[in-house]
PDB file of all heavy atoms in Angstrom:
ATOM      1  N   ASP A   1     -10.037   1.990  -4.645  1.00  0.00           N
ATOM      2  CA  ASP A   1     -10.915   0.875  -4.220  1.00  0.00           C
ATOM      3  C   ASP A   1     -11.565   1.202  -2.940  1.00  0.00           C
ATOM      4  O   ASP A   1     -10.860   1.032  -1.992  1.00  0.00           O
ATOM      5  CB  ASP A   1     -10.187  -0.392  -4.211  1.00  0.00           C
ATOM      6  CG  ASP A   1     -11.084  -1.613  -4.017  1.00  0.00           C
ATOM      7  OD1 ASP A   1     -12.133  -1.416  -3.490  1.00  0.00           O
ATOM      8  OD2 ASP A   1     -10.600  -2.747  -4.391  1.00  0.00           O
ATOM      9  N   ASN A   2     -12.791   1.795  -2.895  1.00  0.00           N
ATOM     10  CA  ASN A   2     -13.323   2.264  -1.663  1.00  0.00           C
ATOM     11  C   ASN A   2     -13.625   0.985  -0.648  1.00  0.00           C
ATOM     12  O   ASN A   2     -13.554   1.187   0.540  1.00  0.00           O
ATOM     13  CB  ASN A   2     -14.653   2.869  -1.961  1.00  0.00           C
ATOM     14  CG  ASN A   2     -14.305   4.351  -2.427  1.00  0.00           C
ATOM     15  OD1 ASN A   2     -13.134   4.862  -2.498  1.00  0.00           O
ATOM     16  ND2 ASN A   2     -15.323   4.916  -3.101  1.00  0.00           N
ATOM     17  N   ALA A   3     -13.798  -0.151  -1.248  1.00  0.00           N
ATOM     18  CA  ALA A   3     -14.094  -1.357  -0.417  1.00  0.00           C
ATOM     19  C   ALA A   3     -12.777  -1.695   0.390  1.00  0.00           C
ATOM     20  O   ALA A   3     -12.898  -2.193   1.465  1.00  0.00           O
ATOM     21  CB  ALA A   3     -14.442  -2.485  -1.238  1.00  0.00           C
ATOM     22  N   LYS A   4     -11.612  -1.401  -0.176  1.00  0.00           N
ATOM     23  CA  LYS A   4     -10.368  -1.560   0.487  1.00  0.00           C
ATOM     24  C   LYS A   4      -9.829  -0.383   1.057  1.00  0.00           C
ATOM     25  O   LYS A   4      -8.727  -0.458   1.710  1.00  0.00           O
ATOM     26  CB  LYS A   4      -9.377  -2.240  -0.446  1.00  0.00           C
ATOM     27  CG  LYS A   4      -9.816  -3.653  -1.046  1.00  0.00           C
ATOM     28  CD  LYS A   4      -8.770  -4.092  -1.946  1.00  0.00           C
ATOM     29  CE  LYS A   4      -9.096  -5.508  -2.425  1.00  0.00           C
ATOM     30  NZ  LYS A   4      -8.056  -5.995  -3.371  1.00  0.00           N
ATOM     31  N   ASN A   5     -10.524   0.732   0.963  1.00  0.00           N
ATOM     32  CA  ASN A   5      -9.986   2.083   1.453  1.00  0.00           C
ATOM     33  C   ASN A   5      -8.545   2.354   1.073  1.00  0.00           C
ATOM     34  O   ASN A   5      -7.694   2.812   1.704  1.00  0.00           O
ATOM     35  CB  ASN A   5      -9.987   2.113   3.109  1.00  0.00           C
ATOM     36  CG  ASN A   5     -11.471   2.263   3.582  1.00  0.00           C
ATOM     37  OD1 ASN A   5     -12.274   2.928   2.939  1.00  0.00           O
ATOM     38  ND2 ASN A   5     -11.640   1.466   4.665  1.00  0.00           N
ATOM     39  N   THR A   6      -8.396   2.086  -0.300  1.00  0.00           N
ATOM     40  CA  THR A   6      -7.013   2.273  -0.874  1.00  0.00           C
ATOM     41  C   THR A   6      -7.126   3.083  -2.121  1.00  0.00           C
ATOM     42  O   THR A   6      -8.040   2.859  -2.969  1.00  0.00           O
ATOM     43  CB  THR A   6      -6.500   0.842  -1.121  1.00  0.00           C
ATOM     44  OG1 THR A   6      -6.401   0.133   0.178  1.00  0.00           O
ATOM     45  CG2 THR A   6      -4.969   0.976  -1.600  1.00  0.00           C
ATOM     46  N   VAL A   7      -6.086   3.854  -2.387  1.00  0.00           N
ATOM     47  CA  VAL A   7      -5.888   4.675  -3.563  1.00  0.00           C
ATOM     48  C   VAL A   7      -4.530   4.244  -4.211  1.00  0.00           C
ATOM     49  O   VAL A   7      -3.555   3.845  -3.467  1.00  0.00           O
ATOM     50  CB  VAL A   7      -5.868   6.191  -3.238  1.00  0.00           C
ATOM     51  CG1 VAL A   7      -5.693   6.921  -4.580  1.00  0.00           C
ATOM     52  CG2 VAL A   7      -7.179   6.522  -2.651  1.00  0.00           C
ATOM     53  N   TYR A   8      -4.510   4.182  -5.525  1.00  0.00           N
ATOM     54  CA  TYR A   8      -3.410   3.766  -6.266  1.00  0.00           C
ATOM     55  C   TYR A   8      -2.928   4.820  -7.200  1.00  0.00           C
ATOM     56  O   TYR A   8      -3.646   5.623  -7.643  1.00  0.00           O
ATOM     57  CB  TYR A   8      -3.601   2.408  -6.971  1.00  0.00           C
ATOM     58  CG  TYR A   8      -4.203   1.334  -6.188  1.00  0.00           C
ATOM     59  CD1 TYR A   8      -5.566   1.123  -6.172  1.00  0.00           C
ATOM     60  CD2 TYR A   8      -3.397   0.474  -5.414  1.00  0.00           C
ATOM     61  CE1 TYR A   8      -6.183   0.185  -5.369  1.00  0.00           C
ATOM     62  CE2 TYR A   8      -3.946  -0.521  -4.664  1.00  0.00           C
ATOM     63  CZ  TYR A   8      -5.296  -0.688  -4.681  1.00  0.00           C
ATOM     64  OH  TYR A   8      -5.880  -1.628  -3.869  1.00  0.00           O
ATOM     65  N   LEU A   9      -1.596   4.821  -7.462  1.00  0.00           N
ATOM     66  CA  LEU A   9      -0.967   5.568  -8.446  1.00  0.00           C
ATOM     67  C   LEU A   9      -0.149   4.698  -9.344  1.00  0.00           C
ATOM     68  O   LEU A   9       0.939   4.351  -8.882  1.00  0.00           O
ATOM     69  CB  LEU A   9      -0.287   6.761  -7.874  1.00  0.00           C
ATOM     70  CG  LEU A   9       0.263   7.787  -8.975  1.00  0.00           C
ATOM     71  CD1 LEU A   9      -0.897   8.547  -9.657  1.00  0.00           C
ATOM     72  CD2 LEU A   9       1.325   8.788  -8.447  1.00  0.00           C
ATOM     73  N   GLN A  10      -0.621   4.417 -10.440  1.00  0.00           N
ATOM     74  CA  GLN A  10       0.224   3.580 -11.371  1.00  0.00           C
ATOM     75  C   GLN A  10       1.066   4.602 -12.206  1.00  0.00           C
ATOM     76  O   GLN A  10       0.578   5.456 -12.892  1.00  0.00           O
ATOM     77  CB  GLN A  10      -0.677   2.776 -12.391  1.00  0.00           C
ATOM     78  CG  GLN A  10       0.034   1.948 -13.409  1.00  0.00           C
ATOM     79  CD  GLN A  10       0.815   0.867 -12.806  1.00  0.00           C
ATOM     80  OE1 GLN A  10       0.266   0.100 -11.967  1.00  0.00           O
ATOM     81  NE2 GLN A  10       2.093   0.705 -13.274  1.00  0.00           N
ATOM     82  N   MET A  11       2.414   4.237 -12.149  1.00  0.00           N
ATOM     83  CA  MET A  11       3.255   5.253 -12.892  1.00  0.00           C
ATOM     84  C   MET A  11       4.140   4.409 -13.939  1.00  0.00           C
ATOM     85  O   MET A  11       4.894   3.496 -13.534  1.00  0.00           O
ATOM     86  CB  MET A  11       4.268   5.773 -11.787  1.00  0.00           C
ATOM     87  CG  MET A  11       3.580   6.557 -10.718  1.00  0.00           C
ATOM     88  SD  MET A  11       4.695   7.344  -9.503  1.00  0.00           S
ATOM     89  CE  MET A  11       5.573   5.994  -8.795  1.00  0.00           C
ATOM     90  N   ASN A  12       3.827   4.761 -15.181  1.00  0.00           N
ATOM     91  CA  ASN A  12       4.587   4.083 -16.255  1.00  0.00           C
ATOM     92  C   ASN A  12       5.436   5.056 -17.011  1.00  0.00           C
ATOM     93  O   ASN A  12       5.456   6.295 -16.775  1.00  0.00           O
ATOM     94  CB  ASN A  12       3.580   3.662 -17.179  1.00  0.00           C
ATOM     95  CG  ASN A  12       2.505   2.644 -16.616  1.00  0.00           C
ATOM     96  OD1 ASN A  12       2.877   1.811 -15.817  1.00  0.00           O
ATOM     97  ND2 ASN A  12       1.311   2.651 -17.148  1.00  0.00           N
ATOM     98  N   SER A  13       6.480   4.380 -17.615  1.00  0.00           N
ATOM     99  CA  SER A  13       7.387   5.210 -18.393  1.00  0.00           C
ATOM    100  C   SER A  13       8.069   6.285 -17.424  1.00  0.00           C
ATOM    101  O   SER A  13       8.133   7.429 -17.841  1.00  0.00           O
ATOM    102  CB  SER A  13       6.767   5.823 -19.592  1.00  0.00           C
ATOM    103  OG  SER A  13       6.223   4.931 -20.434  1.00  0.00           O
ATOM    104  N   LEU A  14       8.610   5.873 -16.266  1.00  0.00           N
ATOM    105  CA  LEU A  14       9.108   6.814 -15.391  1.00  0.00           C
ATOM    106  C   LEU A  14      10.418   7.532 -15.916  1.00  0.00           C
ATOM    107  O   LEU A  14      11.173   6.919 -16.671  1.00  0.00           O
ATOM    108  CB  LEU A  14       9.517   6.078 -14.124  1.00  0.00           C
ATOM    109  CG  LEU A  14       8.259   5.860 -13.327  1.00  0.00           C
ATOM    110  CD1 LEU A  14       8.477   4.769 -12.224  1.00  0.00           C
ATOM    111  CD2 LEU A  14       7.744   7.089 -12.586  1.00  0.00           C
ATOM    112  N   LYS A  15      10.495   8.708 -15.563  1.00  0.00           N
ATOM    113  CA  LYS A  15      11.638   9.518 -16.041  1.00  0.00           C
ATOM    114  C   LYS A  15      12.497  10.103 -14.729  1.00  0.00           C
ATOM    115  O   LYS A  15      11.875  10.056 -13.684  1.00  0.00           O
ATOM    116  CB  LYS A  15      11.109  10.726 -16.814  1.00  0.00           C
ATOM    117  CG  LYS A  15      10.178  10.473 -17.883  1.00  0.00           C
ATOM    118  CD  LYS A  15       9.516  11.698 -18.413  1.00  0.00           C
ATOM    119  CE  LYS A  15       8.397  11.451 -19.345  1.00  0.00           C
ATOM    120  NZ  LYS A  15       7.770  12.643 -19.916  1.00  0.00           N
ATOM    121  N   PRO A  16      13.702  10.352 -15.017  1.00  0.00           N
ATOM    122  CA  PRO A  16      14.552  10.905 -13.729  1.00  0.00           C
ATOM    123  C   PRO A  16      13.801  12.055 -13.140  1.00  0.00           C
ATOM    124  O   PRO A  16      13.786  12.198 -11.817  1.00  0.00           O
ATOM    125  CB  PRO A  16      15.783  11.260 -14.264  1.00  0.00           C
ATOM    126  CG  PRO A  16      15.958  10.293 -15.498  1.00  0.00           C
ATOM    127  CD  PRO A  16      14.537  10.220 -16.123  1.00  0.00           C
ATOM    128  N   GLU A  17      13.099  12.861 -13.914  1.00  0.00           N
ATOM    129  CA  GLU A  17      12.447  14.006 -13.307  1.00  0.00           C
ATOM    130  C   GLU A  17      11.180  13.583 -12.481  1.00  0.00           C
ATOM    131  O   GLU A  17      10.513  14.577 -11.776  1.00  0.00           O
ATOM    132  CB  GLU A  17      12.110  15.213 -14.362  1.00  0.00           C
ATOM    133  CG  GLU A  17      11.317  14.478 -15.555  1.00  0.00           C
ATOM    134  CD  GLU A  17      12.167  14.238 -16.726  1.00  0.00           C
ATOM    135  OE1 GLU A  17      13.384  13.642 -16.555  1.00  0.00           O
ATOM    136  OE2 GLU A  17      11.756  14.485 -17.834  1.00  0.00           O
ATOM    137  N   ASP A  18      10.774  12.438 -12.547  1.00  0.00           N
ATOM    138  CA  ASP A  18       9.710  11.959 -11.491  1.00  0.00           C
ATOM    139  C   ASP A  18      10.226  11.648 -10.166  1.00  0.00           C
ATOM    140  O   ASP A  18       9.423  11.284  -9.264  1.00  0.00           O
ATOM    141  CB  ASP A  18       8.984  10.650 -12.102  1.00  0.00           C
ATOM    142  CG  ASP A  18       8.313  10.964 -13.485  1.00  0.00           C
ATOM    143  OD1 ASP A  18       7.643  11.955 -13.461  1.00  0.00           O
ATOM    144  OD2 ASP A  18       8.411  10.209 -14.373  1.00  0.00           O
ATOM    145  N   THR A  19      11.509  11.654  -9.959  1.00  0.00           N
ATOM    146  CA  THR A  19      12.197  11.418  -8.672  1.00  0.00           C
ATOM    147  C   THR A  19      11.636  12.405  -7.695  1.00  0.00           C
ATOM    148  O   THR A  19      11.724  13.681  -7.844  1.00  0.00           O
ATOM    149  CB  THR A  19      13.683  11.440  -8.785  1.00  0.00           C
ATOM    150  OG1 THR A  19      14.132  10.438  -9.612  1.00  0.00           O
ATOM    151  CG2 THR A  19      14.327  11.368  -7.381  1.00  0.00           C
ATOM    152  N   ALA A  20      11.071  11.900  -6.495  1.00  0.00           N
ATOM    153  CA  ALA A  20      10.451  12.714  -5.583  1.00  0.00           C
ATOM    154  C   ALA A  20      10.017  11.861  -4.336  1.00  0.00           C
ATOM    155  O   ALA A  20       9.874  10.651  -4.495  1.00  0.00           O
ATOM    156  CB  ALA A  20       9.377  13.592  -6.108  1.00  0.00           C
ATOM    157  N   VAL A  21       9.637  12.569  -3.354  1.00  0.00           N
ATOM    158  CA  VAL A  21       8.874  11.922  -2.270  1.00  0.00           C
ATOM    159  C   VAL A  21       7.320  12.098  -2.611  1.00  0.00           C
ATOM    160  O   VAL A  21       6.998  13.252  -2.957  1.00  0.00           O
ATOM    161  CB  VAL A  21       9.126  12.536  -0.991  1.00  0.00           C
ATOM    162  CG1 VAL A  21       8.160  11.825   0.126  1.00  0.00           C
ATOM    163  CG2 VAL A  21      10.583  12.349  -0.522  1.00  0.00           C
ATOM    164  N   TYR A  22       6.575  11.006  -2.785  1.00  0.00           N
ATOM    165  CA  TYR A  22       5.108  11.056  -3.143  1.00  0.00           C
ATOM    166  C   TYR A  22       4.300  10.953  -1.900  1.00  0.00           C
ATOM    167  O   TYR A  22       4.472  10.093  -0.952  1.00  0.00           O
ATOM    168  CB  TYR A  22       4.885   9.963  -4.134  1.00  0.00           C
ATOM    169  CG  TYR A  22       5.355  10.283  -5.527  1.00  0.00           C
ATOM    170  CD1 TYR A  22       6.778  10.074  -5.765  1.00  0.00           C
ATOM    171  CD2 TYR A  22       4.601  10.521  -6.483  1.00  0.00           C
ATOM    172  CE1 TYR A  22       7.285  10.355  -7.019  1.00  0.00           C
ATOM    173  CE2 TYR A  22       5.005  10.792  -7.827  1.00  0.00           C
ATOM    174  CZ  TYR A  22       6.397  10.775  -8.072  1.00  0.00           C
ATOM    175  OH  TYR A  22       6.845  11.152  -9.349  1.00  0.00           O
ATOM    176  N   TYR A  23       3.278  11.876  -1.772  1.00  0.00           N
ATOM    177  CA  TYR A  23       2.477  11.903  -0.697  1.00  0.00           C
ATOM    178  C   TYR A  23       0.976  11.700  -1.169  1.00  0.00           C
ATOM    179  O   TYR A  23       0.536  12.256  -2.161  1.00  0.00           O
ATOM    180  CB  TYR A  23       2.533  13.312  -0.011  1.00  0.00           C
ATOM    181  CG  TYR A  23       3.855  13.591   0.585  1.00  0.00           C
ATOM    182  CD1 TYR A  23       4.738  14.378  -0.238  1.00  0.00           C
ATOM    183  CD2 TYR A  23       4.106  13.378   1.786  1.00  0.00           C
ATOM    184  CE1 TYR A  23       6.019  14.715   0.357  1.00  0.00           C
ATOM    185  CE2 TYR A  23       5.471  13.681   2.359  1.00  0.00           C
ATOM    186  CZ  TYR A  23       6.298  14.371   1.633  1.00  0.00           C
ATOM    187  OH  TYR A  23       7.660  14.690   2.123  1.00  0.00           O
ATOM    188  N   CYS A  24       0.280  10.852  -0.328  1.00  0.00           N
ATOM    189  CA  CYS A  24      -1.121  10.816  -0.553  1.00  0.00           C
ATOM    190  C   CYS A  24      -1.915  11.702   0.382  1.00  0.00           C
ATOM    191  O   CYS A  24      -1.355  12.050   1.517  1.00  0.00           O
ATOM    192  CB  CYS A  24      -1.522   9.281  -0.162  1.00  0.00           C
ATOM    193  SG  CYS A  24      -3.191   8.871  -0.033  1.00  0.00           S
ATOM    194  N   ALA A  25      -2.983  12.216   0.001  1.00  0.00           N
ATOM    195  CA  ALA A  25      -3.686  13.222   0.747  1.00  0.00           C
ATOM    196  C   ALA A  25      -5.229  13.004   0.507  1.00  0.00           C
ATOM    197  O   ALA A  25      -5.633  12.501  -0.470  1.00  0.00           O
ATOM    198  CB  ALA A  25      -3.303  14.532   0.333  1.00  0.00           C
ATOM    199  N   ALA A  26      -6.051  13.286   1.566  1.00  0.00           N
ATOM    200  CA  ALA A  26      -7.448  13.172   1.458  1.00  0.00           C
ATOM    201  C   ALA A  26      -8.145  14.460   1.675  1.00  0.00           C
ATOM    202  O   ALA A  26      -7.699  15.382   2.540  1.00  0.00           O
ATOM    203  CB  ALA A  26      -7.970  12.245   2.613  1.00  0.00           C
ATOM    204  N   ASP A  27      -9.080  14.732   0.861  1.00  0.00           N
ATOM    205  CA  ASP A  27      -9.886  16.014   0.779  1.00  0.00           C
ATOM    206  C   ASP A  27     -11.323  15.783   1.028  1.00  0.00           C
ATOM    207  O   ASP A  27     -12.020  15.179   0.191  1.00  0.00           O
ATOM    208  CB  ASP A  27      -9.676  16.670  -0.517  1.00  0.00           C
ATOM    209  CG  ASP A  27     -10.473  17.909  -0.881  1.00  0.00           C
ATOM    210  OD1 ASP A  27     -10.907  18.525   0.199  1.00  0.00           O
ATOM    211  OD2 ASP A  27     -10.644  18.307  -2.016  1.00  0.00           O
ATOM    212  N   PRO A  28     -11.850  16.313   2.216  1.00  0.00           N
ATOM    213  CA  PRO A  28     -13.272  16.082   2.317  1.00  0.00           C
ATOM    214  C   PRO A  28     -14.045  17.056   1.474  1.00  0.00           C
ATOM    215  O   PRO A  28     -13.894  18.268   1.498  1.00  0.00           O
ATOM    216  CB  PRO A  28     -13.455  16.561   3.890  1.00  0.00           C
ATOM    217  CG  PRO A  28     -12.356  17.387   4.209  1.00  0.00           C
ATOM    218  CD  PRO A  28     -11.194  16.880   3.340  1.00  0.00           C
ATOM    219  N   THR A  29     -14.889  16.434   0.613  1.00  0.00           N
ATOM    220  CA  THR A  29     -15.496  17.197  -0.363  1.00  0.00           C
ATOM    221  C   THR A  29     -17.053  17.172  -0.233  1.00  0.00           C
ATOM    222  O   THR A  29     -17.696  16.288   0.359  1.00  0.00           O
ATOM    223  CB  THR A  29     -15.223  16.626  -1.834  1.00  0.00           C
ATOM    224  OG1 THR A  29     -15.608  15.254  -1.866  1.00  0.00           O
ATOM    225  CG2 THR A  29     -13.726  16.802  -2.114  1.00  0.00           C
ATOM    226  N   PRO A  30     -17.794  18.156  -0.774  1.00  0.00           N
ATOM    227  CA  PRO A  30     -19.215  18.260  -0.574  1.00  0.00           C
ATOM    228  C   PRO A  30     -20.088  17.190  -1.353  1.00  0.00           C
ATOM    229  O   PRO A  30     -21.114  16.872  -0.921  1.00  0.00           O
ATOM    230  CB  PRO A  30     -19.652  19.601  -0.987  1.00  0.00           C
ATOM    231  CG  PRO A  30     -18.494  19.984  -2.000  1.00  0.00           C
ATOM    232  CD  PRO A  30     -17.293  19.421  -1.454  1.00  0.00           C
ATOM    233  N   THR A  31     -19.547  16.692  -2.370  1.00  0.00           N
ATOM    234  CA  THR A  31     -20.170  15.701  -3.262  1.00  0.00           C
ATOM    235  C   THR A  31     -19.244  14.557  -3.631  1.00  0.00           C
ATOM    236  O   THR A  31     -17.968  14.744  -3.594  1.00  0.00           O
ATOM    237  CB  THR A  31     -20.767  16.267  -4.558  1.00  0.00           C
ATOM    238  OG1 THR A  31     -19.630  16.614  -5.447  1.00  0.00           O
ATOM    239  CG2 THR A  31     -21.557  17.538  -4.250  1.00  0.00           C
ATOM    240  N   MET A  32     -19.820  13.423  -4.047  1.00  0.00           N
ATOM    241  CA  MET A  32     -18.999  12.292  -4.382  1.00  0.00           C
ATOM    242  C   MET A  32     -18.273  12.412  -5.726  1.00  0.00           C
ATOM    243  O   MET A  32     -17.319  11.624  -5.902  1.00  0.00           O
ATOM    244  CB  MET A  32     -19.865  11.054  -4.513  1.00  0.00           C
ATOM    245  CG  MET A  32     -20.893  11.043  -5.672  1.00  0.00           C
ATOM    246  SD  MET A  32     -21.723   9.441  -5.765  1.00  0.00           S
ATOM    247  CE  MET A  32     -22.728   9.496  -4.319  1.00  0.00           C
ATOM    248  N   ASN A  33     -18.520  13.442  -6.553  1.00  0.00           N
ATOM    249  CA  ASN A  33     -17.777  13.634  -7.759  1.00  0.00           C
ATOM    250  C   ASN A  33     -16.854  14.763  -7.800  1.00  0.00           C
ATOM    251  O   ASN A  33     -16.312  15.132  -8.899  1.00  0.00           O
ATOM    252  CB  ASN A  33     -18.867  13.803  -8.970  1.00  0.00           C
ATOM    253  CG  ASN A  33     -19.585  12.488  -9.151  1.00  0.00           C
ATOM    254  OD1 ASN A  33     -19.135  11.415  -9.069  1.00  0.00           O
ATOM    255  ND2 ASN A  33     -20.911  12.674  -9.387  1.00  0.00           N
ATOM    256  N   TYR A  34     -16.750  15.371  -6.616  1.00  0.00           N
ATOM    257  CA  TYR A  34     -15.897  16.598  -6.554  1.00  0.00           C
ATOM    258  C   TYR A  34     -14.419  16.271  -6.469  1.00  0.00           C
ATOM    259  O   TYR A  34     -13.967  15.415  -5.625  1.00  0.00           O
ATOM    260  CB  TYR A  34     -16.281  17.426  -5.369  1.00  0.00           C
ATOM    261  CG  TYR A  34     -16.015  18.847  -5.422  1.00  0.00           C
ATOM    262  CD1 TYR A  34     -16.889  19.736  -6.033  1.00  0.00           C
ATOM    263  CD2 TYR A  34     -14.870  19.262  -4.699  1.00  0.00           C
ATOM    264  CE1 TYR A  34     -16.505  21.192  -6.006  1.00  0.00           C
ATOM    265  CE2 TYR A  34     -14.620  20.649  -4.657  1.00  0.00           C
ATOM    266  CZ  TYR A  34     -15.370  21.567  -5.281  1.00  0.00           C
ATOM    267  OH  TYR A  34     -15.056  22.914  -5.227  1.00  0.00           O
TER     268      TYR A  34
END
């Protein structure tokens, strides 16, 4: 949601192998669809 400057990750049907530290990251890109 760019209006809120927020990114989401909806995780369903979680498995034990999904256990981890989750990091968000930003990539400056040349175009809006990249």
